[in-house]
């Protein structure tokens, strides 16, 4: 690490602390040449590979924008959304890869969003998983209901037929 004052090629770490919810390390350094102190912040880079092949840095704010649309009109606070975005980032970083597919980010959103608000989850899932019919919604709702029941049995995907119309 070069000293920003005298440009000496070395520095000594005086103190290290985690910052930004543990996603960065703040280091207090001292130059052995001029004895001036300075601070550095170290972060790991995390890139998202989009369907088009374009790579961009992971952004919590992009997660928030997508989830906020799904939560519109629902009893979800900004703090709830911030915690969800943090959980998503933690799940993605825990995979240990510097690059992750956009699809994996979407999958990481679904679990915490389902816990936060089931309606918002259905809205997000309908776009993310490209629901094409009413049966897709019915199947997703059946899965949510099955998770609530003590048996915990999931519906069989082969049973994805529309119920008979009454009336």
C-alpha atoms as a PDB file:
ATOM      1  CA  UNK A   1       0.000   0.000   0.000  1.00  0.00           C
ATOM      2  CA  UNK A   2       1.540   3.297  -1.109  1.00  0.00           C
ATOM      3  CA  UNK A   3       1.422   6.239   1.287  1.00  0.00           C
ATOM      4  CA  UNK A   4      -0.979   8.853  -0.141  1.00  0.00           C
ATOM      5  CA  UNK A   5       1.212  11.661   1.261  1.00  0.00           C
ATOM      6  CA  UNK A   6       4.839  10.789   0.396  1.00  0.00           C
ATOM      7  CA  UNK A   7       4.159   7.819  -1.949  1.00  0.00           C
ATOM      8  CA  UNK A   8       6.466   5.534   0.019  1.00  0.00           C
ATOM      9  CA  UNK A   9       5.885   1.935  -1.146  1.00  0.00           C
ATOM     10  CA  UNK A  10       5.066   0.435   2.251  1.00  0.00           C
ATOM     11  CA  UNK A  11       2.831   1.055   5.252  1.00  0.00           C
ATOM     12  CA  UNK A  12       2.158  -0.562   8.600  1.00  0.00           C
ATOM     13  CA  UNK A  13      -1.334  -1.603   9.760  1.00  0.00           C
ATOM     14  CA  UNK A  14      -2.095  -0.039  13.143  1.00  0.00           C
ATOM     15  CA  UNK A  15      -5.715  -1.177  13.554  1.00  0.00           C
ATOM     16  CA  UNK A  16      -8.276  -3.289  11.633  1.00  0.00           C
ATOM     17  CA  UNK A  17     -12.054  -3.308  12.104  1.00  0.00           C
ATOM     18  CA  UNK A  18     -15.013  -4.623  10.192  1.00  0.00           C
ATOM     19  CA  UNK A  19     -17.300  -2.060   8.600  1.00  0.00           C
ATOM     20  CA  UNK A  20     -20.552  -1.953   6.613  1.00  0.00           C
ATOM     21  CA  UNK A  21     -22.194  -4.917   8.350  1.00  0.00           C
ATOM     22  CA  UNK A  22     -19.069  -7.026   7.957  1.00  0.00           C
ATOM     23  CA  UNK A  23     -18.768  -6.627   4.181  1.00  0.00           C
ATOM     24  CA  UNK A  24     -15.651  -4.454   4.432  1.00  0.00           C
ATOM     25  CA  UNK A  25     -12.527  -4.087   6.545  1.00  0.00           C
ATOM     26  CA  UNK A  26     -11.363  -0.657   7.667  1.00  0.00           C
ATOM     27  CA  UNK A  27      -7.608  -0.455   8.285  1.00  0.00           C
ATOM     28  CA  UNK A  28      -5.750   2.380   9.976  1.00  0.00           C
ATOM     29  CA  UNK A  29      -2.234   2.537   8.522  1.00  0.00           C
ATOM     30  CA  UNK A  30       0.956   4.461   9.232  1.00  0.00           C
ATOM     31  CA  UNK A  31       3.713   5.277   6.782  1.00  0.00           C
ATOM     32  CA  UNK A  32       7.174   4.334   8.168  1.00  0.00           C
ATOM     33  CA  UNK A  33       8.782   7.061   6.038  1.00  0.00           C
ATOM     34  CA  UNK A  34       6.730  10.192   6.891  1.00  0.00           C
ATOM     35  CA  UNK A  35       4.881   8.768   9.970  1.00  0.00           C
ATOM     36  CA  UNK A  36       1.541  10.099   8.733  1.00  0.00           C
ATOM     37  CA  UNK A  37      -1.568   7.982   9.212  1.00  0.00           C
ATOM     38  CA  UNK A  38      -4.298   7.169   6.729  1.00  0.00           C
ATOM     39  CA  UNK A  39      -7.300   4.858   6.434  1.00  0.00           C
ATOM     40  CA  UNK A  40      -8.059   2.234   3.807  1.00  0.00           C
ATOM     41  CA  UNK A  41     -11.261   0.289   3.277  1.00  0.00           C
ATOM     42  CA  UNK A  42     -11.063  -3.170   1.753  1.00  0.00           C
ATOM     43  CA  UNK A  43     -14.054  -4.842   0.156  1.00  0.00           C
ATOM     44  CA  UNK A  44     -14.459  -7.973  -1.904  1.00  0.00           C
ATOM     45  CA  UNK A  45     -15.867  -7.500  -5.350  1.00  0.00           C
ATOM     46  CA  UNK A  46     -19.018  -9.364  -6.262  1.00  0.00           C
ATOM     47  CA  UNK A  47     -20.198  -9.314  -9.857  1.00  0.00           C
ATOM     48  CA  UNK A  48     -23.528 -10.338 -11.343  1.00  0.00           C
ATOM     49  CA  UNK A  49     -23.611 -11.938 -14.792  1.00  0.00           C
ATOM     50  CA  UNK A  50     -26.824 -10.983 -16.558  1.00  0.00           C
ATOM     51  CA  UNK A  51     -28.620 -13.130 -19.155  1.00  0.00           C
ATOM     52  CA  UNK A  52     -27.089 -11.031 -21.929  1.00  0.00           C
ATOM     53  CA  UNK A  53     -23.610 -11.931 -20.661  1.00  0.00           C
ATOM     54  CA  UNK A  54     -22.928  -8.426 -19.363  1.00  0.00           C
ATOM     55  CA  UNK A  55     -21.230  -8.328 -15.965  1.00  0.00           C
ATOM     56  CA  UNK A  56     -21.942  -5.605 -13.424  1.00  0.00           C
ATOM     57  CA  UNK A  57     -21.206  -5.107  -9.718  1.00  0.00           C
ATOM     58  CA  UNK A  58     -23.743  -6.527  -7.266  1.00  0.00           C
ATOM     59  CA  UNK A  59     -26.030  -3.786  -5.995  1.00  0.00           C
ATOM     60  CA  UNK A  60     -28.262  -3.950  -2.942  1.00  0.00           C
ATOM     61  CA  UNK A  61     -30.144  -0.969  -4.331  1.00  0.00           C
ATOM     62  CA  UNK A  62     -31.128  -2.985  -7.426  1.00  0.00           C
ATOM     63  CA  UNK A  63     -32.438  -5.747  -5.175  1.00  0.00           C
ATOM     64  CA  UNK A  64     -34.413  -3.119  -3.261  1.00  0.00           C
ATOM     65  CA  UNK A  65     -35.925  -1.635  -6.437  1.00  0.00           C
ATOM     66  CA  UNK A  66     -37.187  -5.009  -7.644  1.00  0.00           C
ATOM     67  CA  UNK A  67     -38.522  -6.090  -4.282  1.00  0.00           C
ATOM     68  CA  UNK A  68     -40.087  -2.687  -3.553  1.00  0.00           C
ATOM     69  CA  UNK A  69     -42.273  -3.055  -6.676  1.00  0.00           C
ATOM     70  CA  UNK A  70     -43.506  -6.435  -5.465  1.00  0.00           C
ATOM     71  CA  UNK A  71     -44.209  -4.981  -2.001  1.00  0.00           C
ATOM     72  CA  UNK A  72     -46.140  -1.959  -3.265  1.00  0.00           C
ATOM     73  CA  UNK A  73     -49.287  -1.514  -1.159  1.00  0.00           C
ATOM     74  CA  UNK A  74     -48.224  -4.216   1.299  1.00  0.00           C
ATOM     75  CA  UNK A  75     -47.494  -3.668   5.021  1.00  0.00           C
ATOM     76  CA  UNK A  76     -43.716  -3.815   4.521  1.00  0.00           C
ATOM     77  CA  UNK A  77     -41.390  -1.142   5.903  1.00  0.00           C
ATOM     78  CA  UNK A  78     -38.185   0.234   4.414  1.00  0.00           C
ATOM     79  CA  UNK A  79     -36.319  -1.406   7.309  1.00  0.00           C
ATOM     80  CA  UNK A  80     -37.856  -4.766   6.346  1.00  0.00           C
ATOM     81  CA  UNK A  81     -36.664  -4.269   2.774  1.00  0.00           C
ATOM     82  CA  UNK A  82     -33.174  -3.240   3.899  1.00  0.00           C
ATOM     83  CA  UNK A  83     -32.891  -6.399   6.034  1.00  0.00           C
ATOM     84  CA  UNK A  84     -34.100  -8.505   3.109  1.00  0.00           C
ATOM     85  CA  UNK A  85     -31.486  -6.963   0.784  1.00  0.00           C
ATOM     86  CA  UNK A  86     -28.794  -7.626   3.396  1.00  0.00           C
ATOM     87  CA  UNK A  87     -29.902 -11.270   3.713  1.00  0.00           C
ATOM     88  CA  UNK A  88     -29.786 -11.655  -0.062  1.00  0.00           C
ATOM     89  CA  UNK A  89     -26.265 -10.234  -0.216  1.00  0.00           C
ATOM     90  CA  UNK A  90     -25.132 -12.503   2.638  1.00  0.00           C
ATOM     91  CA  UNK A  91     -26.539 -15.567   0.857  1.00  0.00           C
ATOM     92  CA  UNK A  92     -24.842 -14.599  -2.405  1.00  0.00           C
ATOM     93  CA  UNK A  93     -21.486 -13.860  -0.723  1.00  0.00           C
ATOM     94  CA  UNK A  94     -21.681 -17.125   1.256  1.00  0.00           C
ATOM     95  CA  UNK A  95     -21.541 -19.012  -2.046  1.00  0.00           C
ATOM     96  CA  UNK A  96     -17.892 -17.951  -2.157  1.00  0.00           C
ATOM     97  CA  UNK A  97     -17.808 -16.966  -5.809  1.00  0.00           C
ATOM     98  CA  UNK A  98     -16.712 -13.597  -7.185  1.00  0.00           C
ATOM     99  CA  UNK A  99     -19.275 -13.905  -9.999  1.00  0.00           C
ATOM    100  CA  UNK A 100     -22.865 -15.023  -9.693  1.00  0.00           C
ATOM    101  CA  UNK A 101     -25.637 -15.389 -12.281  1.00  0.00           C
ATOM    102  CA  UNK A 102     -28.550 -12.969 -12.091  1.00  0.00           C
ATOM    103  CA  UNK A 103     -30.760 -16.054 -11.797  1.00  0.00           C
ATOM    104  CA  UNK A 104     -29.028 -16.953  -8.514  1.00  0.00           C
ATOM    105  CA  UNK A 105     -29.749 -13.471  -7.164  1.00  0.00           C
ATOM    106  CA  UNK A 106     -33.435 -13.965  -7.969  1.00  0.00           C
ATOM    107  CA  UNK A 107     -33.464 -17.328  -6.210  1.00  0.00           C
ATOM    108  CA  UNK A 108     -31.786 -15.741  -3.180  1.00  0.00           C
ATOM    109  CA  UNK A 109     -34.586 -13.138  -3.074  1.00  0.00           C
ATOM    110  CA  UNK A 110     -37.475 -15.615  -3.162  1.00  0.00           C
ATOM    111  CA  UNK A 111     -36.892 -17.264   0.243  1.00  0.00           C
ATOM    112  CA  UNK A 112     -36.608 -14.133   2.412  1.00  0.00           C
ATOM    113  CA  UNK A 113     -39.417 -12.447   0.469  1.00  0.00           C
ATOM    114  CA  UNK A 114     -41.741 -15.407   1.092  1.00  0.00           C
ATOM    115  CA  UNK A 115     -41.019 -15.092   4.831  1.00  0.00           C
ATOM    116  CA  UNK A 116     -41.627 -11.343   4.725  1.00  0.00           C
ATOM    117  CA  UNK A 117     -44.887 -11.211   2.740  1.00  0.00           C
ATOM    118  CA  UNK A 118     -46.547 -14.008   0.772  1.00  0.00           C
ATOM    119  CA  UNK A 119     -48.433 -11.676  -1.577  1.00  0.00           C
ATOM    120  CA  UNK A 120     -45.232  -9.812  -2.452  1.00  0.00           C
ATOM    121  CA  UNK A 121     -43.566 -13.196  -2.923  1.00  0.00           C
ATOM    122  CA  UNK A 122     -46.270 -14.276  -5.409  1.00  0.00           C
ATOM    123  CA  UNK A 123     -45.953 -10.989  -7.291  1.00  0.00           C
ATOM    124  CA  UNK A 124     -42.167 -11.293  -7.535  1.00  0.00           C
ATOM    125  CA  UNK A 125     -42.277 -15.000  -8.388  1.00  0.00           C
ATOM    126  CA  UNK A 126     -44.869 -14.424 -11.109  1.00  0.00           C
ATOM    127  CA  UNK A 127     -42.473 -12.103 -12.931  1.00  0.00           C
ATOM    128  CA  UNK A 128     -39.216 -13.826 -12.024  1.00  0.00           C
ATOM    129  CA  UNK A 129     -40.440 -17.331 -12.830  1.00  0.00           C
ATOM    130  CA  UNK A 130     -42.483 -16.096 -15.828  1.00  0.00           C
ATOM    131  CA  UNK A 131     -45.885 -17.424 -14.803  1.00  0.00           C
ATOM    132  CA  UNK A 132     -47.871 -17.981 -17.983  1.00  0.00           C
ATOM    133  CA  UNK A 133     -51.254 -19.043 -16.697  1.00  0.00           C
ATOM    134  CA  UNK A 134     -53.632 -19.013 -13.795  1.00  0.00           C
ATOM    135  CA  UNK A 135     -52.534 -22.570 -13.058  1.00  0.00           C
ATOM    136  CA  UNK A 136     -49.007 -21.319 -12.354  1.00  0.00           C
ATOM    137  CA  UNK A 137     -50.419 -19.016  -9.663  1.00  0.00           C
ATOM    138  CA  UNK A 138     -52.622 -21.786  -8.286  1.00  0.00           C
ATOM    139  CA  UNK A 139     -49.656 -24.131  -8.048  1.00  0.00           C
ATOM    140  CA  UNK A 140     -47.538 -21.516  -6.251  1.00  0.00           C
ATOM    141  CA  UNK A 141     -50.381 -20.849  -3.819  1.00  0.00           C
ATOM    142  CA  UNK A 142     -50.798 -24.584  -3.229  1.00  0.00           C
ATOM    143  CA  UNK A 143     -47.086 -24.793  -2.376  1.00  0.00           C
ATOM    144  CA  UNK A 144     -47.449 -21.959   0.141  1.00  0.00           C
ATOM    145  CA  UNK A 145     -50.472 -23.648   1.718  1.00  0.00           C
ATOM    146  CA  UNK A 146     -48.681 -26.987   1.881  1.00  0.00           C
ATOM    147  CA  UNK A 147     -45.847 -25.362   3.818  1.00  0.00           C
ATOM    148  CA  UNK A 148     -48.333 -24.118   6.408  1.00  0.00           C
ATOM    149  CA  UNK A 149     -49.990 -27.519   6.903  1.00  0.00           C
ATOM    150  CA  UNK A 150     -48.502 -29.903   9.469  1.00  0.00           C
ATOM    151  CA  UNK A 151     -48.082 -32.675   6.859  1.00  0.00           C
ATOM    152  CA  UNK A 152     -45.832 -30.433   4.782  1.00  0.00           C
ATOM    153  CA  UNK A 153     -46.596 -32.413   1.636  1.00  0.00           C
ATOM    154  CA  UNK A 154     -45.958 -30.511  -1.557  1.00  0.00           C
ATOM    155  CA  UNK A 155     -48.453 -30.800  -4.392  1.00  0.00           C
ATOM    156  CA  UNK A 156     -47.461 -32.971  -7.301  1.00  0.00           C
ATOM    157  CA  UNK A 157     -46.586 -30.901 -10.404  1.00  0.00           C
ATOM    158  CA  UNK A 158     -48.567 -33.424 -12.461  1.00  0.00           C
ATOM    159  CA  UNK A 159     -51.701 -32.213 -10.645  1.00  0.00           C
ATOM    160  CA  UNK A 160     -51.447 -28.751 -12.222  1.00  0.00           C
ATOM    161  CA  UNK A 161     -54.879 -28.829 -13.844  1.00  0.00           C
ATOM    162  CA  UNK A 162     -57.513 -26.191 -13.450  1.00  0.00           C
ATOM    163  CA  UNK A 163     -60.317 -27.026 -11.047  1.00  0.00           C
ATOM    164  CA  UNK A 164     -63.730 -27.532 -12.636  1.00  0.00           C
ATOM    165  CA  UNK A 165     -65.776 -24.381 -13.036  1.00  0.00           C
ATOM    166  CA  UNK A 166     -68.729 -24.153 -10.698  1.00  0.00           C
ATOM    167  CA  UNK A 167     -71.918 -22.504 -11.723  1.00  0.00           C
END
